[in-house]
C-alpha cells in the first residue's frame, strides 16, 4: 500500500469543506474568508 503525502486529518476535512462551501454558494456567497471557515470548523 502506498502512503499518502496528505495527512489523514486533512483528507477527513475535505467533505466538510465541500458541505460548507456548497451551503455558502446556495446562500449566494461568492467569497469566504479563512476566519469564516475556522468559525464553521470551530477552531
PDB file of N, CA and C in Angstrom:
ATOM      1  N   UNK A   1       0.834  -1.171   0.000  1.00  0.00           N
ATOM      2  CA  UNK A   1       0.000   0.000   0.000  1.00  0.00           C
ATOM      3  C   UNK A   1       0.886   1.244   0.000  1.00  0.00           C
ATOM      4  N   UNK A   2       0.495   2.249  -0.775  1.00  0.00           N
ATOM      5  CA  UNK A   2       1.272   3.483  -0.873  1.00  0.00           C
ATOM      6  C   UNK A   2       0.781   4.465   0.184  1.00  0.00           C
ATOM      7  N   UNK A   3       1.711   5.036   0.927  1.00  0.00           N
ATOM      8  CA  UNK A   3       1.358   6.009   1.954  1.00  0.00           C
ATOM      9  C   UNK A   3       1.117   7.361   1.296  1.00  0.00           C
ATOM     10  N   UNK A   4       0.015   7.997   1.643  1.00  0.00           N
ATOM     11  CA  UNK A   4      -0.339   9.298   1.091  1.00  0.00           C
ATOM     12  C   UNK A   4       0.551  10.382   1.692  1.00  0.00           C
ATOM     13  N   UNK A   5       0.863  11.365   0.888  1.00  0.00           N
ATOM     14  CA  UNK A   5       1.620  12.514   1.375  1.00  0.00           C
ATOM     15  C   UNK A   5       0.712  13.519   2.078  1.00  0.00           C
ATOM     16  N   UNK A   6      -0.584  13.317   1.942  1.00  0.00           N
ATOM     17  CA  UNK A   6      -1.557  14.205   2.568  1.00  0.00           C
ATOM     18  C   UNK A   6      -1.981  13.585   3.898  1.00  0.00           C
ATOM     19  N   UNK A   7      -1.882  14.350   4.989  1.00  0.00           N
ATOM     20  CA  UNK A   7      -2.264  13.808   6.293  1.00  0.00           C
ATOM     21  C   UNK A   7      -3.730  13.351   6.308  1.00  0.00           C
ATOM     22  N   UNK A   8      -3.996  12.291   7.041  1.00  0.00           N
ATOM     23  CA  UNK A   8      -5.350  11.730   7.107  1.00  0.00           C
ATOM     24  C   UNK A   8      -6.365  12.749   7.611  1.00  0.00           C
ATOM     25  N   UNK A   9      -5.983  13.553   8.602  1.00  0.00           N
ATOM     26  CA  UNK A   9      -6.899  14.568   9.130  1.00  0.00           C
ATOM     27  C   UNK A   9      -7.318  15.558   8.042  1.00  0.00           C
ATOM     28  N   UNK A  10      -6.391  15.915   7.175  1.00  0.00           N
ATOM     29  CA  UNK A  10      -6.698  16.818   6.069  1.00  0.00           C
ATOM     30  C   UNK A  10      -7.704  16.166   5.131  1.00  0.00           C
ATOM     31  N   UNK A  11      -7.488  14.916   4.809  1.00  0.00           N
ATOM     32  CA  UNK A  11      -8.407  14.200   3.923  1.00  0.00           C
ATOM     33  C   UNK A  11      -9.799  14.081   4.535  1.00  0.00           C
ATOM     34  N   UNK A  12      -9.862  13.927   5.832  1.00  0.00           N
ATOM     35  CA  UNK A  12     -11.167  13.817   6.502  1.00  0.00           C
ATOM     36  C   UNK A  12     -11.942  15.125   6.474  1.00  0.00           C
ATOM     37  N   UNK A  13     -11.239  16.253   6.377  1.00  0.00           N
ATOM     38  CA  UNK A  13     -11.916  17.550   6.350  1.00  0.00           C
ATOM     39  C   UNK A  13     -12.496  17.891   4.981  1.00  0.00           C
ATOM     40  N   UNK A  14     -12.030  17.255   3.923  1.00  0.00           N
ATOM     41  CA  UNK A  14     -12.468  17.613   2.572  1.00  0.00           C
ATOM     42  C   UNK A  14     -13.989  17.558   2.416  1.00  0.00           C
ATOM     43  N   UNK A  15     -14.674  16.495   2.865  1.00  0.00           N
ATOM     44  CA  UNK A  15     -16.138  16.502   2.732  1.00  0.00           C
ATOM     45  C   UNK A  15     -16.802  17.647   3.507  1.00  0.00           C
ATOM     46  N   UNK A  16     -16.202  18.020   4.647  1.00  0.00           N
ATOM     47  CA  UNK A  16     -16.754  19.136   5.421  1.00  0.00           C
ATOM     48  C   UNK A  16     -16.589  20.452   4.673  1.00  0.00           C
ATOM     49  N   UNK A  17     -15.420  20.653   4.064  1.00  0.00           N
ATOM     50  CA  UNK A  17     -15.213  21.841   3.236  1.00  0.00           C
ATOM     51  C   UNK A  17     -16.246  21.885   2.120  1.00  0.00           C
ATOM     52  N   UNK A  18     -16.463  20.759   1.481  1.00  0.00           N
ATOM     53  CA  UNK A  18     -17.423  20.699   0.376  1.00  0.00           C
ATOM     54  C   UNK A  18     -18.821  21.078   0.854  1.00  0.00           C
ATOM     55  N   UNK A  19     -19.235  20.542   1.986  1.00  0.00           N
ATOM     56  CA  UNK A  19     -20.557  20.838   2.523  1.00  0.00           C
ATOM     57  C   UNK A  19     -20.697  22.321   2.871  1.00  0.00           C
ATOM     58  N   UNK A  20     -19.720  22.854   3.562  1.00  0.00           N
ATOM     59  CA  UNK A  20     -19.766  24.260   3.962  1.00  0.00           C
ATOM     60  C   UNK A  20     -19.771  25.169   2.746  1.00  0.00           C
ATOM     61  N   UNK A  21     -18.883  24.906   1.795  1.00  0.00           N
ATOM     62  CA  UNK A  21     -18.804  25.756   0.607  1.00  0.00           C
ATOM     63  C   UNK A  21     -20.059  25.638  -0.249  1.00  0.00           C
ATOM     64  N   UNK A  22     -20.641  24.462  -0.324  1.00  0.00           N
ATOM     65  CA  UNK A  22     -21.893  24.289  -1.067  1.00  0.00           C
ATOM     66  C   UNK A  22     -23.022  25.079  -0.412  1.00  0.00           C
ATOM     67  N   UNK A  23     -23.098  25.020   0.909  1.00  0.00           N
ATOM     68  CA  UNK A  23     -24.121  25.779   1.633  1.00  0.00           C
ATOM     69  C   UNK A  23     -23.952  27.282   1.412  1.00  0.00           C
ATOM     70  N   UNK A  24     -22.723  27.758   1.489  1.00  0.00           N
ATOM     71  CA  UNK A  24     -22.468  29.181   1.272  1.00  0.00           C
ATOM     72  C   UNK A  24     -22.830  29.588  -0.157  1.00  0.00           C
ATOM     73  N   UNK A  25     -22.525  28.743  -1.109  1.00  0.00           N
ATOM     74  CA  UNK A  25     -22.855  29.029  -2.507  1.00  0.00           C
ATOM     75  C   UNK A  25     -24.374  29.116  -2.691  1.00  0.00           C
ATOM     76  N   UNK A  26     -25.115  28.225  -2.056  1.00  0.00           N
ATOM     77  CA  UNK A  26     -26.574  28.252  -2.154  1.00  0.00           C
ATOM     78  C   UNK A  26     -27.153  29.531  -1.560  1.00  0.00           C
ATOM     79  N   UNK A  27     -26.464  30.096  -0.583  1.00  0.00           N
ATOM     80  CA  UNK A  27     -26.905  31.357   0.028  1.00  0.00           C
ATOM     81  C   UNK A  27     -26.491  32.574  -0.794  1.00  0.00           C
ATOM     82  N   UNK A  28     -25.759  32.330  -1.874  1.00  0.00           N
ATOM     83  CA  UNK A  28     -25.350  33.429  -2.736  1.00  0.00           C
ATOM     84  C   UNK A  28     -24.008  34.038  -2.380  1.00  0.00           C
ATOM     85  N   UNK A  29     -23.297  33.424  -1.448  1.00  0.00           N
ATOM     86  CA  UNK A  29     -21.979  33.935  -1.069  1.00  0.00           C
ATOM     87  C   UNK A  29     -20.983  33.662  -2.193  1.00  0.00           C
ATOM     88  N   UNK A  30     -20.203  34.669  -2.532  1.00  0.00           N
ATOM     89  CA  UNK A  30     -19.187  34.496  -3.572  1.00  0.00           C
ATOM     90  C   UNK A  30     -17.790  34.322  -2.995  1.00  0.00           C
ATOM     91  N   UNK A  31     -17.608  34.796  -1.776  1.00  0.00           N
ATOM     92  CA  UNK A  31     -16.291  34.749  -1.147  1.00  0.00           C
ATOM     93  C   UNK A  31     -16.434  34.225   0.276  1.00  0.00           C
ATOM     94  N   UNK A  32     -15.377  33.600   0.755  1.00  0.00           N
ATOM     95  CA  UNK A  32     -15.338  33.141   2.142  1.00  0.00           C
ATOM     96  C   UNK A  32     -13.920  33.366   2.660  1.00  0.00           C
ATOM     97  N   UNK A  33     -13.830  33.833   3.879  1.00  0.00           N
ATOM     98  CA  UNK A  33     -12.510  34.076   4.467  1.00  0.00           C
ATOM     99  C   UNK A  33     -12.065  32.859   5.273  1.00  0.00           C
ATOM    100  N   UNK A  34     -10.788  32.819   5.543  1.00  0.00           N
ATOM    101  CA  UNK A  34     -10.275  31.728   6.378  1.00  0.00           C
ATOM    102  C   UNK A  34     -10.863  31.821   7.787  1.00  0.00           C
ATOM    103  N   UNK A  35     -11.152  33.041   8.250  1.00  0.00           N
ATOM    104  CA  UNK A  35     -11.770  33.214   9.565  1.00  0.00           C
ATOM    105  C   UNK A  35     -13.177  32.612   9.581  1.00  0.00           C
ATOM    106  N   UNK A  36     -13.924  32.787   8.497  1.00  0.00           N
ATOM    107  CA  UNK A  36     -15.254  32.184   8.414  1.00  0.00           C
ATOM    108  C   UNK A  36     -15.158  30.659   8.425  1.00  0.00           C
ATOM    109  N   UNK A  37     -14.228  30.114   7.665  1.00  0.00           N
ATOM    110  CA  UNK A  37     -14.059  28.661   7.646  1.00  0.00           C
ATOM    111  C   UNK A  37     -13.671  28.151   9.027  1.00  0.00           C
ATOM    112  N   UNK A  38     -12.800  28.864   9.697  1.00  0.00           N
ATOM    113  CA  UNK A  38     -12.393  28.465  11.047  1.00  0.00           C
ATOM    114  C   UNK A  38     -13.598  28.457  11.981  1.00  0.00           C
ATOM    115  N   UNK A  39     -14.471  29.455  11.831  1.00  0.00           N
ATOM    116  CA  UNK A  39     -15.679  29.502  12.659  1.00  0.00           C
ATOM    117  C   UNK A  39     -16.541  28.263  12.410  1.00  0.00           C
ATOM    118  N   UNK A  40     -16.738  27.914  11.141  1.00  0.00           N
ATOM    119  CA  UNK A  40     -17.553  26.749  10.811  1.00  0.00           C
ATOM    120  C   UNK A  40     -16.940  25.459  11.344  1.00  0.00           C
ATOM    121  N   UNK A  41     -15.624  25.397  11.379  1.00  0.00           N
ATOM    122  CA  UNK A  41     -14.934  24.217  11.893  1.00  0.00           C
ATOM    123  C   UNK A  41     -14.724  24.297  13.403  1.00  0.00           C
ATOM    124  N   UNK A  42     -15.061  25.427  13.994  1.00  0.00           N
ATOM    125  CA  UNK A  42     -14.939  25.656  15.442  1.00  0.00           C
ATOM    126  C   UNK A  42     -13.495  25.587  15.929  1.00  0.00           C
ATOM    127  N   UNK A  43     -12.570  26.163  15.116  1.00  0.00           N
ATOM    128  CA  UNK A  43     -11.168  26.208  15.528  1.00  0.00           C
ATOM    129  C   UNK A  43     -10.907  27.466  16.290  1.00  0.00           C
TER     130      UNK A  43
END
